[in-house]
Amino acid sequence: MVASQKKGQLPTKICATCGLSFEYRKKWRNNWAEVKYCSEKCQRNKKAVSS
């Protein structure tokens, strides 16, 4: 599905912690629907967000 798309056409999401957009990565191939954070740092700091 995603493997045949060009780099500029990959799906994106918004990070739940920092609010920046991030693109699909090959290592997230099996669980892209469950990915919420752009990095491990954002995942570790998820409770520090004040909204």
N, C-alpha and C. Protein backbone atom coordinates (compact mmCIF):
# COMPACT_ATOMS: atom_id res chain seq x y z
N MET A 1 0.84 -1.19 0.00
CA MET A 1 0.00 0.00 0.00
C MET A 1 0.88 1.25 0.00
N VAL A 2 1.52 1.57 1.08
CA VAL A 2 2.30 2.80 1.20
C VAL A 2 3.65 2.68 0.51
N ALA A 3 4.17 1.47 0.37
CA ALA A 3 5.50 1.26 -0.19
C ALA A 3 5.62 1.77 -1.61
N SER A 4 4.52 1.84 -2.35
CA SER A 4 4.58 2.27 -3.74
C SER A 4 4.46 3.79 -3.90
N GLN A 5 4.28 4.52 -2.84
CA GLN A 5 4.12 5.96 -2.92
C GLN A 5 5.46 6.67 -2.85
N LYS A 6 5.53 7.82 -3.48
CA LYS A 6 6.74 8.63 -3.43
C LYS A 6 6.85 9.31 -2.07
N LYS A 7 8.04 9.78 -1.74
CA LYS A 7 8.30 10.35 -0.42
C LYS A 7 7.38 11.53 -0.10
N GLY A 8 7.11 12.39 -1.03
CA GLY A 8 6.26 13.55 -0.79
C GLY A 8 4.79 13.23 -0.68
N GLN A 9 4.41 12.00 -0.99
CA GLN A 9 3.00 11.61 -0.97
C GLN A 9 2.65 10.67 0.18
N LEU A 10 3.54 10.51 1.14
CA LEU A 10 3.30 9.61 2.26
C LEU A 10 2.26 10.21 3.21
N PRO A 11 1.50 9.37 3.89
CA PRO A 11 0.51 9.87 4.84
C PRO A 11 1.18 10.58 6.02
N THR A 12 0.50 11.56 6.58
CA THR A 12 1.04 12.29 7.72
C THR A 12 0.04 12.26 8.87
N LYS A 13 0.55 12.52 10.05
CA LYS A 13 -0.26 12.64 11.26
C LYS A 13 0.28 13.80 12.08
N ILE A 14 -0.47 14.23 13.07
CA ILE A 14 -0.06 15.27 14.00
C ILE A 14 0.32 14.61 15.32
N CYS A 15 1.49 14.94 15.84
CA CYS A 15 1.96 14.37 17.10
C CYS A 15 1.07 14.84 18.25
N ALA A 16 0.69 13.91 19.11
CA ALA A 16 -0.19 14.22 20.24
C ALA A 16 0.51 15.06 21.30
N THR A 17 1.84 15.06 21.34
CA THR A 17 2.58 15.80 22.35
C THR A 17 3.01 17.18 21.87
N CYS A 18 3.75 17.21 20.77
CA CYS A 18 4.34 18.48 20.32
C CYS A 18 3.48 19.20 19.28
N GLY A 19 2.54 18.53 18.66
CA GLY A 19 1.66 19.17 17.69
C GLY A 19 2.25 19.32 16.30
N LEU A 20 3.45 18.81 16.07
CA LEU A 20 4.06 18.89 14.74
C LEU A 20 3.61 17.71 13.89
N SER A 21 3.61 17.92 12.58
CA SER A 21 3.23 16.82 11.70
C SER A 21 4.43 15.92 11.44
N PHE A 22 4.17 14.65 11.26
CA PHE A 22 5.22 13.69 10.93
C PHE A 22 4.70 12.73 9.89
N GLU A 23 5.62 12.18 9.09
CA GLU A 23 5.25 11.30 8.00
C GLU A 23 5.41 9.83 8.37
N TYR A 24 4.76 9.01 7.59
CA TYR A 24 4.84 7.55 7.70
C TYR A 24 6.29 7.10 7.62
N ARG A 25 6.65 6.11 8.43
CA ARG A 25 7.98 5.50 8.38
C ARG A 25 7.82 4.00 8.19
N LYS A 26 8.80 3.41 7.54
CA LYS A 26 8.74 1.98 7.25
C LYS A 26 8.61 1.14 8.51
N LYS A 27 9.23 1.57 9.61
CA LYS A 27 9.17 0.78 10.84
C LYS A 27 7.77 0.79 11.47
N TRP A 28 6.90 1.72 11.05
CA TRP A 28 5.53 1.79 11.55
C TRP A 28 4.55 1.07 10.63
N ARG A 29 5.06 0.30 9.68
CA ARG A 29 4.24 -0.35 8.65
C ARG A 29 3.11 -1.18 9.26
N ASN A 30 3.39 -1.93 10.29
CA ASN A 30 2.40 -2.86 10.85
C ASN A 30 1.39 -2.22 11.79
N ASN A 31 1.69 -1.04 12.32
CA ASN A 31 0.77 -0.42 13.28
C ASN A 31 0.61 1.09 13.07
N TRP A 32 0.55 1.54 11.83
CA TRP A 32 0.43 2.97 11.53
C TRP A 32 -0.84 3.56 12.15
N ALA A 33 -1.91 2.81 12.22
CA ALA A 33 -3.16 3.32 12.79
C ALA A 33 -3.03 3.62 14.28
N GLU A 34 -2.09 2.99 14.96
CA GLU A 34 -1.93 3.18 16.40
C GLU A 34 -0.85 4.20 16.76
N VAL A 35 -0.08 4.67 15.79
CA VAL A 35 1.02 5.61 16.06
C VAL A 35 0.42 6.98 16.40
N LYS A 36 0.86 7.56 17.54
CA LYS A 36 0.36 8.86 18.00
C LYS A 36 1.46 9.89 18.17
N TYR A 37 2.70 9.43 18.31
CA TYR A 37 3.80 10.33 18.64
C TYR A 37 4.87 10.28 17.56
N CYS A 38 5.54 11.40 17.33
CA CYS A 38 6.55 11.49 16.28
C CYS A 38 7.88 10.88 16.69
N SER A 39 8.12 10.74 17.99
CA SER A 39 9.40 10.22 18.45
C SER A 39 9.24 9.58 19.83
N GLU A 40 10.28 8.88 20.25
CA GLU A 40 10.26 8.28 21.59
C GLU A 40 10.28 9.36 22.66
N LYS A 41 10.94 10.47 22.39
CA LYS A 41 10.98 11.57 23.35
C LYS A 41 9.57 12.12 23.60
N CYS A 42 8.80 12.31 22.55
CA CYS A 42 7.43 12.79 22.72
C CYS A 42 6.57 11.75 23.45
N GLN A 43 6.81 10.50 23.19
CA GLN A 43 6.06 9.46 23.87
C GLN A 43 6.37 9.44 25.36
N ARG A 44 7.64 9.63 25.73
CA ARG A 44 8.03 9.67 27.14
C ARG A 44 7.45 10.89 27.85
N ASN A 45 7.36 12.02 27.15
CA ASN A 45 6.92 13.27 27.75
C ASN A 45 5.44 13.55 27.55
N LYS A 46 4.65 12.56 27.23
CA LYS A 46 3.24 12.75 26.91
C LYS A 46 2.43 13.34 28.07
N LYS A 47 2.81 13.07 29.31
CA LYS A 47 2.07 13.59 30.46
C LYS A 47 2.46 15.03 30.81
N ALA A 48 3.56 15.50 30.25
CA ALA A 48 4.04 16.84 30.55
C ALA A 48 3.34 17.92 29.73
N VAL A 49 2.47 17.52 28.81
CA VAL A 49 1.79 18.48 27.95
C VAL A 49 0.71 19.18 28.73
N SER A 50 0.68 20.49 28.63
CA SER A 50 -0.38 21.25 29.28
C SER A 50 -1.22 21.93 28.21
N SER A 51 -2.47 21.49 28.10
CA SER A 51 -3.38 22.04 27.08
C SER A 51 -4.61 22.62 27.71
